[in-house]
Amino acid sequence: MDRRQVFMAQLDQAAHADEKANAPDSIQEDQAFMNRMKTIPFHRMEEGDLRRLWRIALRGVSVRKAVEKSKISEEIK
């Protein structure tokens, strides 16, 4: 591969990462993404990866809140 091909491949990869950062994901995709992120040092993560991590974290917190609320409402019954 020459430099131009490498550069084009990197551009494609970056565009794909940005697209995935804004796309709705399944649990399996989120889990695969999180497993991959375990191998990358935090300071080397790209902006799109950080946005996706943030979105996954926010969803996780909202789910935990809903579970806790459900547990409390069942305990009251």
N, C-alpha and C. Protein backbone atom coordinates (compact mmCIF):
# COMPACT_ATOMS: atom_id res chain seq x y z
N MET A 1 0.84 -1.18 0.00
CA MET A 1 0.00 0.00 0.00
C MET A 1 0.88 1.25 0.00
N ASP A 2 0.53 2.16 -0.86
CA ASP A 2 1.28 3.41 -0.85
C ASP A 2 0.63 4.38 0.15
N ARG A 3 1.25 5.52 0.33
CA ARG A 3 0.78 6.48 1.34
C ARG A 3 -0.65 6.95 1.07
N ARG A 4 -0.97 7.14 -0.20
CA ARG A 4 -2.31 7.61 -0.54
C ARG A 4 -3.36 6.59 -0.15
N GLN A 5 -3.10 5.32 -0.41
CA GLN A 5 -4.05 4.27 -0.05
C GLN A 5 -4.20 4.17 1.47
N VAL A 6 -3.10 4.29 2.18
CA VAL A 6 -3.16 4.26 3.65
C VAL A 6 -3.98 5.43 4.16
N PHE A 7 -3.74 6.62 3.60
CA PHE A 7 -4.48 7.80 4.00
C PHE A 7 -5.97 7.64 3.72
N MET A 8 -6.32 7.12 2.56
CA MET A 8 -7.73 6.92 2.21
C MET A 8 -8.38 5.90 3.15
N ALA A 9 -7.65 4.85 3.49
CA ALA A 9 -8.18 3.85 4.42
C ALA A 9 -8.42 4.47 5.79
N GLN A 10 -7.52 5.33 6.22
CA GLN A 10 -7.69 6.01 7.52
C GLN A 10 -8.89 6.95 7.49
N LEU A 11 -9.09 7.65 6.37
CA LEU A 11 -10.26 8.52 6.24
C LEU A 11 -11.55 7.72 6.30
N ASP A 12 -11.58 6.60 5.61
CA ASP A 12 -12.76 5.73 5.65
C ASP A 12 -13.04 5.24 7.06
N GLN A 13 -11.99 4.85 7.76
CA GLN A 13 -12.13 4.36 9.12
C GLN A 13 -12.65 5.47 10.04
N ALA A 14 -12.14 6.67 9.89
CA ALA A 14 -12.59 7.80 10.71
C ALA A 14 -14.06 8.14 10.42
N ALA A 15 -14.44 8.11 9.15
CA ALA A 15 -15.83 8.38 8.79
C ALA A 15 -16.75 7.31 9.37
N HIS A 16 -16.30 6.07 9.32
CA HIS A 16 -17.10 4.97 9.88
C HIS A 16 -17.25 5.13 11.39
N ALA A 17 -16.18 5.52 12.07
CA ALA A 17 -16.21 5.71 13.53
C ALA A 17 -17.18 6.84 13.89
N ASP A 18 -17.16 7.93 13.14
CA ASP A 18 -18.08 9.05 13.39
C ASP A 18 -19.52 8.62 13.15
N GLU A 19 -19.73 7.84 12.10
CA GLU A 19 -21.08 7.36 11.79
C GLU A 19 -21.59 6.46 12.91
N LYS A 20 -20.74 5.56 13.41
CA LYS A 20 -21.14 4.66 14.49
C LYS A 20 -21.36 5.42 15.79
N ALA A 21 -20.64 6.51 15.99
CA ALA A 21 -20.79 7.29 17.22
C ALA A 21 -22.17 7.91 17.32
N ASN A 22 -22.82 8.16 16.19
CA ASN A 22 -24.13 8.79 16.18
C ASN A 22 -25.27 7.83 15.88
N ALA A 23 -24.97 6.57 15.65
CA ALA A 23 -25.99 5.60 15.26
C ALA A 23 -26.54 4.88 16.49
N PRO A 24 -27.81 4.47 16.42
CA PRO A 24 -28.34 3.65 17.51
C PRO A 24 -27.66 2.28 17.49
N ASP A 25 -27.32 1.76 18.65
CA ASP A 25 -26.58 0.51 18.73
C ASP A 25 -27.36 -0.53 19.51
N SER A 26 -27.10 -1.78 19.18
CA SER A 26 -27.70 -2.87 19.93
C SER A 26 -26.82 -3.16 21.15
N ILE A 27 -27.33 -3.97 22.03
CA ILE A 27 -26.56 -4.35 23.22
C ILE A 27 -25.30 -5.10 22.80
N GLN A 28 -25.42 -5.96 21.79
CA GLN A 28 -24.25 -6.72 21.33
C GLN A 28 -23.17 -5.80 20.77
N GLU A 29 -23.59 -4.79 20.00
CA GLU A 29 -22.61 -3.85 19.45
C GLU A 29 -21.95 -3.03 20.54
N ASP A 30 -22.76 -2.61 21.53
CA ASP A 30 -22.19 -1.86 22.64
C ASP A 30 -21.19 -2.71 23.42
N GLN A 31 -21.53 -3.98 23.65
CA GLN A 31 -20.64 -4.87 24.39
C GLN A 31 -19.33 -5.09 23.61
N ALA A 32 -19.43 -5.31 22.31
CA ALA A 32 -18.23 -5.49 21.49
C ALA A 32 -17.37 -4.23 21.52
N PHE A 33 -18.01 -3.07 21.44
CA PHE A 33 -17.30 -1.80 21.48
C PHE A 33 -16.59 -1.64 22.82
N MET A 34 -17.28 -1.93 23.92
CA MET A 34 -16.68 -1.79 25.24
C MET A 34 -15.52 -2.76 25.42
N ASN A 35 -15.64 -3.97 24.89
CA ASN A 35 -14.54 -4.93 24.97
C ASN A 35 -13.32 -4.41 24.21
N ARG A 36 -13.56 -3.80 23.07
CA ARG A 36 -12.45 -3.24 22.28
C ARG A 36 -11.81 -2.05 22.99
N MET A 37 -12.63 -1.25 23.66
CA MET A 37 -12.12 -0.07 24.36
C MET A 37 -11.26 -0.44 25.56
N LYS A 38 -11.44 -1.64 26.10
CA LYS A 38 -10.63 -2.08 27.24
C LYS A 38 -9.15 -2.16 26.87
N THR A 39 -8.87 -2.34 25.59
CA THR A 39 -7.49 -2.53 25.15
C THR A 39 -6.81 -1.23 24.75
N ILE A 40 -7.57 -0.13 24.72
CA ILE A 40 -7.03 1.16 24.27
C ILE A 40 -6.85 2.07 25.48
N PRO A 41 -5.65 2.63 25.67
CA PRO A 41 -5.46 3.58 26.77
C PRO A 41 -6.37 4.80 26.58
N PHE A 42 -6.87 5.32 27.68
CA PHE A 42 -7.83 6.43 27.61
C PHE A 42 -7.29 7.62 26.82
N HIS A 43 -6.04 7.95 27.00
CA HIS A 43 -5.47 9.13 26.32
C HIS A 43 -5.33 8.93 24.81
N ARG A 44 -5.50 7.69 24.33
CA ARG A 44 -5.39 7.44 22.88
C ARG A 44 -6.75 7.31 22.22
N MET A 45 -7.83 7.43 22.98
CA MET A 45 -9.17 7.31 22.40
C MET A 45 -9.49 8.56 21.58
N GLU A 46 -10.24 8.35 20.53
CA GLU A 46 -10.62 9.45 19.65
C GLU A 46 -11.95 10.05 20.09
N GLU A 47 -12.25 11.21 19.58
CA GLU A 47 -13.46 11.92 19.99
C GLU A 47 -14.73 11.11 19.75
N GLY A 48 -14.82 10.44 18.61
CA GLY A 48 -16.00 9.64 18.32
C GLY A 48 -16.17 8.49 19.31
N ASP A 49 -15.05 7.88 19.70
CA ASP A 49 -15.10 6.81 20.69
C ASP A 49 -15.57 7.34 22.04
N LEU A 50 -15.09 8.52 22.41
CA LEU A 50 -15.49 9.11 23.69
C LEU A 50 -16.97 9.48 23.68
N ARG A 51 -17.47 9.97 22.55
CA ARG A 51 -18.90 10.28 22.45
C ARG A 51 -19.74 9.03 22.61
N ARG A 52 -19.28 7.94 21.99
CA ARG A 52 -20.03 6.69 22.09
C ARG A 52 -19.97 6.14 23.52
N LEU A 53 -18.82 6.23 24.16
CA LEU A 53 -18.70 5.81 25.56
C LEU A 53 -19.66 6.61 26.44
N TRP A 54 -19.71 7.92 26.20
CA TRP A 54 -20.60 8.79 26.97
C TRP A 54 -22.06 8.38 26.79
N ARG A 55 -22.46 8.10 25.55
CA ARG A 55 -23.83 7.70 25.26
C ARG A 55 -24.17 6.38 25.94
N ILE A 56 -23.25 5.42 25.90
CA ILE A 56 -23.47 4.13 26.55
C ILE A 56 -23.60 4.34 28.07
N ALA A 57 -22.75 5.18 28.63
CA ALA A 57 -22.80 5.44 30.07
C ALA A 57 -24.13 6.09 30.47
N LEU A 58 -24.60 7.06 29.69
CA LEU A 58 -25.86 7.71 30.01
C LEU A 58 -27.03 6.73 29.95
N ARG A 59 -27.02 5.86 28.94
CA ARG A 59 -28.06 4.84 28.86
C ARG A 59 -28.00 3.90 30.06
N GLY A 60 -26.78 3.53 30.45
CA GLY A 60 -26.61 2.64 31.60
C GLY A 60 -27.16 3.25 32.87
N VAL A 61 -26.91 4.53 33.08
CA VAL A 61 -27.40 5.21 34.27
C VAL A 61 -28.93 5.28 34.24
N SER A 62 -29.50 5.58 33.09
CA SER A 62 -30.97 5.67 33.02
C SER A 62 -31.61 4.30 33.23
N VAL A 63 -30.98 3.24 32.76
CA VAL A 63 -31.51 1.89 32.98
C VAL A 63 -31.41 1.54 34.47
N ARG A 64 -30.27 1.84 35.08
CA ARG A 64 -30.11 1.56 36.52
C ARG A 64 -31.15 2.32 37.34
N LYS A 65 -31.41 3.55 36.96
CA LYS A 65 -32.41 4.36 37.66
C LYS A 65 -33.79 3.72 37.53
N ALA A 66 -34.13 3.26 36.32
CA ALA A 66 -35.42 2.62 36.10
C ALA A 66 -35.54 1.32 36.89
N VAL A 67 -34.46 0.55 36.96
CA VAL A 67 -34.47 -0.71 37.72
C VAL A 67 -34.67 -0.42 39.20
N GLU A 68 -33.94 0.55 39.73
CA GLU A 68 -34.08 0.91 41.14
C GLU A 68 -35.50 1.40 41.44
N LYS A 69 -36.04 2.21 40.56
CA LYS A 69 -37.40 2.72 40.73
C LYS A 69 -38.40 1.57 40.72
N SER A 70 -38.18 0.61 39.83
CA SER A 70 -39.06 -0.55 39.75
C SER A 70 -38.97 -1.40 41.02
N LYS A 71 -37.76 -1.59 41.54
CA LYS A 71 -37.58 -2.37 42.77
C LYS A 71 -38.29 -1.70 43.93
N ILE A 72 -38.18 -0.39 44.03
CA ILE A 72 -38.80 0.33 45.13
C ILE A 72 -40.32 0.23 45.03
N SER A 73 -40.85 0.38 43.82
CA SER A 73 -42.31 0.31 43.65
C SER A 73 -42.84 -1.10 43.95
N GLU A 74 -42.06 -2.13 43.65
CA GLU A 74 -42.48 -3.51 43.96
C GLU A 74 -42.40 -3.78 45.45
N GLU A 75 -41.44 -3.18 46.15
CA GLU A 75 -41.32 -3.35 47.59
C GLU A 75 -42.48 -2.71 48.32
N ILE A 76 -42.99 -1.62 47.77
CA ILE A 76 -44.10 -0.91 48.39
C ILE A 76 -45.40 -1.71 48.26
N LYS A 77 -45.55 -2.45 47.17
CA LYS A 77 -46.78 -3.22 46.94
C LYS A 77 -46.91 -4.31 47.89
